[in-house]
């Protein structure tokens, strides 16, 4: 068998011209370092899922009893009903264990006064521009 050695350099030259290299470019993933901002939530959720450390200063909260859940849902429903009554022009108040809530509609200005029964602290929320639908 006779080898044709004249074709070998030509083949090597042809293969060498077909191979091309490009510059390597690093693209960060973390948005804090210039990555895509849409990755932020995904990265944070993964980090929180892997975090097995807990703050020793935080006391664990006991699960709410059925009565506490029912009371919370009832208070939420009553507040919702009170807000619905405001839309109809009716005012009212709600007293819970923790708060006293007074709602008054004064000609398109809704005033909500929230009083903390424990500390006596009062907060007022005023919303202007309410009118009939």
N, C-alpha and C. Protein backbone atom coordinates (compact mmCIF):
# COMPACT_ATOMS: atom_id res chain seq x y z
N UNK A 1 0.82 -1.16 0.00
CA UNK A 1 0.00 0.00 0.00
C UNK A 1 0.88 1.24 0.00
N UNK A 2 0.54 2.12 -0.84
CA UNK A 2 1.31 3.33 -0.98
C UNK A 2 0.46 4.50 -0.49
N UNK A 3 1.03 5.32 0.38
CA UNK A 3 0.31 6.46 0.92
C UNK A 3 0.60 7.68 0.07
N UNK A 4 -0.42 8.46 -0.07
CA UNK A 4 -0.26 9.69 -0.81
C UNK A 4 -0.02 10.80 0.21
N UNK A 5 1.23 11.14 0.44
CA UNK A 5 1.62 12.12 1.45
C UNK A 5 1.46 13.54 0.94
N UNK A 6 1.21 13.73 -0.31
CA UNK A 6 1.06 15.07 -0.85
C UNK A 6 -0.29 15.67 -0.45
N UNK A 7 -1.26 14.84 -0.19
CA UNK A 7 -2.60 15.33 0.19
C UNK A 7 -2.68 15.72 1.67
N UNK A 8 -1.78 15.20 2.49
CA UNK A 8 -1.84 15.44 3.92
C UNK A 8 -1.71 16.93 4.28
N UNK A 9 -0.76 17.70 3.81
CA UNK A 9 -0.71 19.13 4.15
C UNK A 9 -1.92 19.89 3.66
N UNK A 10 -2.45 19.54 2.54
CA UNK A 10 -3.64 20.22 2.01
C UNK A 10 -4.86 19.98 2.89
N UNK A 11 -5.00 18.75 3.38
CA UNK A 11 -6.12 18.43 4.27
C UNK A 11 -5.98 19.16 5.59
N UNK A 12 -4.76 19.22 6.12
CA UNK A 12 -4.55 19.93 7.37
C UNK A 12 -4.84 21.41 7.21
N UNK A 13 -4.46 21.98 6.07
CA UNK A 13 -4.72 23.38 5.81
C UNK A 13 -6.23 23.64 5.70
N UNK A 14 -6.96 22.75 5.08
CA UNK A 14 -8.40 22.88 4.93
C UNK A 14 -9.10 22.77 6.29
N UNK A 15 -8.71 21.83 7.13
CA UNK A 15 -9.30 21.66 8.46
C UNK A 15 -8.97 22.87 9.33
N UNK A 16 -7.79 23.40 9.23
CA UNK A 16 -7.39 24.56 10.03
C UNK A 16 -8.17 25.80 9.69
N UNK A 17 -8.58 25.96 8.45
CA UNK A 17 -9.33 27.16 8.07
C UNK A 17 -10.80 27.04 8.45
N UNK A 18 -11.31 25.83 8.63
CA UNK A 18 -12.71 25.66 9.01
C UNK A 18 -12.93 25.92 10.49
N UNK A 19 -11.95 25.67 11.31
CA UNK A 19 -12.08 25.89 12.76
C UNK A 19 -11.90 27.36 13.06
N UNK A 20 -12.90 27.96 13.72
CA UNK A 20 -12.82 29.36 14.08
C UNK A 20 -13.08 29.49 15.57
N UNK A 21 -12.45 30.44 16.16
CA UNK A 21 -12.64 30.69 17.58
C UNK A 21 -13.30 32.05 17.77
N UNK A 22 -14.10 32.16 18.83
CA UNK A 22 -14.71 33.45 19.16
C UNK A 22 -14.27 33.84 20.56
N UNK A 23 -14.47 35.09 20.87
CA UNK A 23 -14.09 35.61 22.17
C UNK A 23 -15.09 35.11 23.22
N UNK A 24 -14.60 34.69 24.38
CA UNK A 24 -15.47 34.27 25.47
C UNK A 24 -15.97 35.51 26.19
N UNK A 25 -17.27 35.59 26.37
CA UNK A 25 -17.88 36.74 27.02
C UNK A 25 -18.66 36.24 28.22
N UNK A 26 -18.34 36.77 29.41
CA UNK A 26 -19.05 36.39 30.62
C UNK A 26 -20.29 37.27 30.77
N UNK A 27 -21.42 36.64 30.96
CA UNK A 27 -22.67 37.35 31.22
C UNK A 27 -23.13 36.97 32.61
N UNK A 28 -23.20 37.92 33.54
CA UNK A 28 -23.61 37.58 34.90
C UNK A 28 -25.08 37.16 34.96
N UNK A 29 -25.41 36.34 35.93
CA UNK A 29 -26.78 35.89 36.13
C UNK A 29 -27.47 36.77 37.17
N UNK A 30 -26.76 37.13 38.22
CA UNK A 30 -27.32 37.90 39.31
C UNK A 30 -27.56 39.34 38.86
N UNK A 31 -28.80 39.85 39.03
CA UNK A 31 -29.08 41.23 38.61
C UNK A 31 -28.29 42.28 39.40
N UNK A 32 -27.82 41.94 40.58
CA UNK A 32 -27.01 42.89 41.35
C UNK A 32 -25.68 43.16 40.68
N UNK A 33 -25.25 42.24 39.84
CA UNK A 33 -23.96 42.38 39.17
C UNK A 33 -24.13 42.57 37.67
N UNK A 34 -25.29 43.06 37.22
CA UNK A 34 -25.49 43.36 35.82
C UNK A 34 -26.23 42.31 35.04
N UNK A 35 -26.76 41.30 35.72
CA UNK A 35 -27.52 40.25 35.03
C UNK A 35 -28.94 40.68 34.74
N UNK A 36 -29.69 39.77 34.18
CA UNK A 36 -31.07 40.04 33.81
C UNK A 36 -31.90 40.28 35.07
N UNK A 37 -32.66 41.40 35.15
CA UNK A 37 -33.46 41.68 36.34
C UNK A 37 -34.55 40.65 36.60
N UNK A 38 -34.96 39.91 35.57
CA UNK A 38 -35.99 38.90 35.75
C UNK A 38 -35.48 37.69 36.55
N UNK A 39 -34.18 37.57 36.73
CA UNK A 39 -33.63 36.47 37.51
C UNK A 39 -33.69 36.73 39.01
N UNK A 40 -33.96 37.95 39.43
CA UNK A 40 -33.89 38.32 40.83
C UNK A 40 -34.81 37.51 41.72
N UNK A 41 -36.08 37.39 41.35
CA UNK A 41 -37.05 36.65 42.16
C UNK A 41 -36.69 35.18 42.22
N UNK A 42 -36.29 34.64 41.10
CA UNK A 42 -35.91 33.22 41.05
C UNK A 42 -34.73 32.94 41.98
N UNK A 43 -33.71 33.78 41.92
CA UNK A 43 -32.53 33.58 42.75
C UNK A 43 -32.85 33.76 44.23
N UNK A 44 -33.68 34.75 44.56
CA UNK A 44 -34.05 34.97 45.96
C UNK A 44 -34.86 33.80 46.50
N UNK A 45 -35.80 33.29 45.73
CA UNK A 45 -36.60 32.15 46.18
C UNK A 45 -35.73 30.91 46.39
N UNK A 46 -34.78 30.69 45.52
CA UNK A 46 -33.87 29.55 45.70
C UNK A 46 -33.02 29.72 46.95
N UNK A 47 -32.53 30.91 47.20
CA UNK A 47 -31.72 31.15 48.38
C UNK A 47 -32.53 30.97 49.65
N UNK A 48 -33.77 31.44 49.66
CA UNK A 48 -34.61 31.28 50.85
C UNK A 48 -34.99 29.83 51.07
N UNK A 49 -35.17 29.07 50.00
CA UNK A 49 -35.51 27.66 50.14
C UNK A 49 -34.34 26.86 50.71
N UNK A 50 -33.12 27.29 50.43
CA UNK A 50 -31.94 26.58 50.91
C UNK A 50 -31.50 27.05 52.29
N UNK A 51 -32.03 28.18 52.75
CA UNK A 51 -31.61 28.75 54.03
C UNK A 51 -32.19 27.93 55.18
N UNK A 52 -31.33 27.27 55.95
CA UNK A 52 -31.80 26.49 57.08
C UNK A 52 -31.44 27.15 58.40
N UNK A 53 -31.04 28.40 58.36
CA UNK A 53 -30.72 29.15 59.58
C UNK A 53 -31.95 29.91 60.04
N UNK A 54 -32.11 30.04 61.35
CA UNK A 54 -33.22 30.81 61.88
C UNK A 54 -32.69 31.84 62.86
N UNK A 55 -33.42 32.92 62.99
CA UNK A 55 -33.04 34.00 63.89
C UNK A 55 -33.34 33.56 65.32
N UNK A 56 -32.35 33.52 66.20
CA UNK A 56 -32.61 33.07 67.56
C UNK A 56 -33.44 34.06 68.37
N UNK A 57 -33.57 35.29 67.91
CA UNK A 57 -34.34 36.29 68.64
C UNK A 57 -35.83 36.24 68.33
N UNK A 58 -36.21 35.49 67.30
CA UNK A 58 -37.61 35.41 66.91
C UNK A 58 -38.25 34.21 67.60
N UNK A 59 -39.35 34.46 68.30
CA UNK A 59 -40.05 33.36 68.94
C UNK A 59 -41.09 32.82 67.96
N UNK A 60 -41.20 31.51 67.88
CA UNK A 60 -42.17 30.94 66.93
C UNK A 60 -43.60 31.26 67.38
N UNK A 61 -44.44 31.59 66.43
CA UNK A 61 -45.83 31.93 66.73
C UNK A 61 -46.65 30.65 66.71
N UNK A 62 -47.45 30.48 67.73
CA UNK A 62 -48.29 29.29 67.80
C UNK A 62 -49.38 29.38 66.73
N UNK A 63 -49.80 28.24 66.26
CA UNK A 63 -50.85 28.20 65.25
C UNK A 63 -52.15 28.72 65.86
N UNK A 64 -52.91 29.45 65.07
CA UNK A 64 -54.16 30.01 65.55
C UNK A 64 -55.18 28.90 65.75
N UNK A 65 -55.96 29.04 66.80
CA UNK A 65 -57.00 28.05 67.07
C UNK A 65 -58.16 28.29 66.10
N UNK A 66 -59.07 27.38 66.08
CA UNK A 66 -60.25 27.51 65.21
C UNK A 66 -61.06 28.74 65.58
N UNK A 67 -61.18 28.99 66.87
CA UNK A 67 -61.94 30.16 67.32
C UNK A 67 -61.27 31.46 66.90
N UNK A 68 -59.92 31.53 66.98
CA UNK A 68 -59.20 32.73 66.55
C UNK A 68 -59.34 32.95 65.05
N UNK A 69 -59.27 31.87 64.27
CA UNK A 69 -59.45 32.00 62.82
C UNK A 69 -60.86 32.47 62.48
N UNK A 70 -61.86 31.90 63.17
CA UNK A 70 -63.24 32.30 62.93
C UNK A 70 -63.44 33.76 63.30
N UNK A 71 -62.89 34.18 64.43
CA UNK A 71 -63.02 35.57 64.86
C UNK A 71 -62.37 36.51 63.85
N UNK A 72 -61.20 36.14 63.36
CA UNK A 72 -60.50 36.95 62.37
C UNK A 72 -61.31 37.06 61.07
N UNK A 73 -61.87 35.95 60.63
CA UNK A 73 -62.67 35.96 59.40
C UNK A 73 -63.95 36.78 59.59
N UNK A 74 -64.54 36.68 60.77
CA UNK A 74 -65.76 37.45 61.05
C UNK A 74 -65.47 38.94 61.07
N UNK A 75 -64.35 39.34 61.71
CA UNK A 75 -63.97 40.75 61.73
C UNK A 75 -63.72 41.25 60.32
N UNK A 76 -63.05 40.44 59.51
CA UNK A 76 -62.78 40.83 58.12
C UNK A 76 -64.09 41.01 57.35
N UNK A 77 -65.02 40.11 57.55
CA UNK A 77 -66.31 40.19 56.85
C UNK A 77 -67.09 41.43 57.30
N UNK A 78 -67.06 41.72 58.60
CA UNK A 78 -67.77 42.90 59.10
C UNK A 78 -67.16 44.19 58.57
N UNK A 79 -65.83 44.24 58.47
CA UNK A 79 -65.18 45.42 57.89
C UNK A 79 -65.57 45.58 56.42
N UNK A 80 -65.61 44.47 55.71
CA UNK A 80 -66.02 44.50 54.30
C UNK A 80 -67.45 45.02 54.18
N UNK A 81 -68.34 44.54 55.05
CA UNK A 81 -69.73 44.99 55.02
C UNK A 81 -69.83 46.48 55.35
N UNK A 82 -69.01 46.93 56.32
CA UNK A 82 -69.01 48.34 56.68
C UNK A 82 -68.57 49.21 55.50
N UNK A 83 -67.54 48.75 54.77
CA UNK A 83 -67.10 49.49 53.58
C UNK A 83 -68.17 49.49 52.49
N UNK A 84 -68.89 48.38 52.35
CA UNK A 84 -69.97 48.34 51.37
C UNK A 84 -71.08 49.31 51.76
N UNK A 85 -71.36 49.42 53.05
CA UNK A 85 -72.38 50.36 53.51
C UNK A 85 -71.96 51.81 53.24
N UNK A 86 -70.66 52.09 53.30
CA UNK A 86 -70.16 53.44 53.00
C UNK A 86 -70.49 53.80 51.56
N UNK A 87 -70.36 52.84 50.65
CA UNK A 87 -70.67 53.11 49.24
C UNK A 87 -72.14 53.48 49.07
N UNK A 88 -73.00 52.93 49.95
CA UNK A 88 -74.43 53.23 49.86
C UNK A 88 -74.80 54.50 50.62
N UNK A 89 -73.79 55.17 51.23
CA UNK A 89 -74.05 56.40 51.95
C UNK A 89 -74.27 56.20 53.44
N UNK A 90 -74.13 54.98 53.93
CA UNK A 90 -74.32 54.71 55.35
C UNK A 90 -72.97 54.74 56.06
N UNK A 91 -72.93 55.28 57.28
CA UNK A 91 -71.71 55.29 58.06
C UNK A 91 -71.84 54.27 59.19
N UNK A 92 -70.73 54.00 59.87
CA UNK A 92 -70.80 53.04 60.95
C UNK A 92 -69.48 52.89 61.67
N UNK A 93 -69.48 52.01 62.66
CA UNK A 93 -68.27 51.74 63.42
C UNK A 93 -68.22 50.26 63.76
N UNK A 94 -67.03 49.81 64.10
CA UNK A 94 -66.81 48.42 64.46
C UNK A 94 -65.84 48.40 65.63
N UNK A 95 -66.17 47.64 66.65
CA UNK A 95 -65.31 47.52 67.82
C UNK A 95 -64.86 46.07 67.94
N UNK A 96 -63.54 45.87 68.00
CA UNK A 96 -62.97 44.54 68.18
C UNK A 96 -62.19 44.53 69.48
N UNK A 97 -61.54 43.41 69.78
CA UNK A 97 -60.72 43.33 70.98
C UNK A 97 -59.55 44.31 70.94
N UNK A 98 -59.04 44.56 69.73
CA UNK A 98 -57.84 45.38 69.61
C UNK A 98 -58.11 46.80 69.13
N UNK A 99 -59.18 47.01 68.35
CA UNK A 99 -59.38 48.31 67.70
C UNK A 99 -60.83 48.78 67.79
N UNK A 100 -60.98 50.08 67.66
CA UNK A 100 -62.28 50.71 67.42
C UNK A 100 -62.15 51.43 66.08
N UNK A 101 -63.01 51.08 65.14
CA UNK A 101 -62.92 51.64 63.78
C UNK A 101 -64.20 52.41 63.51
N UNK A 102 -64.06 53.71 63.24
CA UNK A 102 -65.19 54.58 62.89
C UNK A 102 -65.02 55.04 61.46
N UNK A 103 -66.09 54.85 60.65
CA UNK A 103 -66.05 55.28 59.26
C UNK A 103 -67.16 56.28 59.02
N UNK A 104 -66.81 57.43 58.43
CA UNK A 104 -67.77 58.48 58.16
C UNK A 104 -67.55 58.96 56.73
N UNK A 105 -68.65 59.03 55.96
CA UNK A 105 -68.60 59.58 54.61
C UNK A 105 -69.22 60.97 54.66
N UNK A 106 -68.41 61.99 54.42
CA UNK A 106 -68.87 63.37 54.51
C UNK A 106 -68.83 64.00 53.12
N UNK A 107 -69.84 63.74 52.34
CA UNK A 107 -69.95 64.36 51.02
C UNK A 107 -68.81 64.02 50.08
N UNK A 108 -68.44 62.77 49.96
CA UNK A 108 -67.37 62.36 49.06
C UNK A 108 -66.02 62.27 49.71
N UNK A 109 -65.93 62.57 51.00
CA UNK A 109 -64.67 62.44 51.73
C UNK A 109 -64.88 61.36 52.79
N UNK A 110 -64.18 60.25 52.61
CA UNK A 110 -64.27 59.13 53.54
C UNK A 110 -63.23 59.31 54.63
N UNK A 111 -63.68 59.29 55.87
CA UNK A 111 -62.78 59.43 57.00
C UNK A 111 -62.87 58.16 57.84
N UNK A 112 -61.72 57.51 58.04
CA UNK A 112 -61.65 56.29 58.84
C UNK A 112 -60.75 56.58 60.03
N UNK A 113 -61.30 56.47 61.23
CA UNK A 113 -60.55 56.70 62.46
C UNK A 113 -60.35 55.36 63.14
N UNK A 114 -59.10 54.97 63.34
CA UNK A 114 -58.76 53.69 63.96
C UNK A 114 -58.11 53.97 65.30
N UNK A 115 -58.71 53.45 66.37
CA UNK A 115 -58.19 53.65 67.72
C UNK A 115 -57.71 52.33 68.28
N UNK A 116 -56.46 52.29 68.71
CA UNK A 116 -55.90 51.10 69.35
C UNK A 116 -56.41 51.07 70.79
N UNK A 117 -57.13 50.02 71.16
CA UNK A 117 -57.74 49.96 72.49
C UNK A 117 -56.70 49.73 73.58
N UNK A 118 -55.56 49.15 73.26
CA UNK A 118 -54.54 48.88 74.27
C UNK A 118 -53.73 50.13 74.59
N UNK A 119 -53.24 50.80 73.55
CA UNK A 119 -52.36 51.96 73.75
C UNK A 119 -53.09 53.29 73.69
N UNK A 120 -54.30 53.31 73.13
CA UNK A 120 -55.03 54.55 72.96
C UNK A 120 -54.57 55.35 71.76
N UNK A 121 -53.66 54.83 70.97
CA UNK A 121 -53.15 55.52 69.79
C UNK A 121 -54.24 55.60 68.73
N UNK A 122 -54.34 56.78 68.09
CA UNK A 122 -55.38 57.01 67.09
C UNK A 122 -54.73 57.27 65.74
N UNK A 123 -55.23 56.60 64.70
CA UNK A 123 -54.79 56.83 63.32
C UNK A 123 -56.02 57.24 62.51
N UNK A 124 -55.81 58.17 61.60
CA UNK A 124 -56.92 58.62 60.76
C UNK A 124 -56.52 58.52 59.30
N UNK A 125 -57.40 57.94 58.53
CA UNK A 125 -57.20 57.81 57.09
C UNK A 125 -58.31 58.60 56.42
N UNK A 126 -57.93 59.52 55.53
CA UNK A 126 -58.91 60.34 54.83
C UNK A 126 -58.73 60.12 53.34
N UNK A 127 -59.84 59.79 52.68
CA UNK A 127 -59.83 59.56 51.23
C UNK A 127 -60.78 60.57 50.60
N UNK A 128 -60.26 61.38 49.69
CA UNK A 128 -61.06 62.39 49.00
C UNK A 128 -61.49 61.87 47.64
N UNK A 129 -62.54 62.49 47.11
CA UNK A 129 -62.94 62.21 45.73
C UNK A 129 -63.88 61.06 45.58
N UNK A 130 -64.46 60.59 46.67
CA UNK A 130 -65.44 59.53 46.55
C UNK A 130 -66.77 60.15 46.17
N UNK A 131 -67.42 59.54 45.24
CA UNK A 131 -68.73 60.05 44.82
C UNK A 131 -69.59 58.90 44.38
N UNK A 132 -70.83 59.18 44.06
CA UNK A 132 -71.71 58.11 43.61
C UNK A 132 -71.22 57.53 42.30
N UNK A 133 -71.38 56.24 42.17
CA UNK A 133 -70.93 55.55 40.95
C UNK A 133 -71.91 55.72 39.83
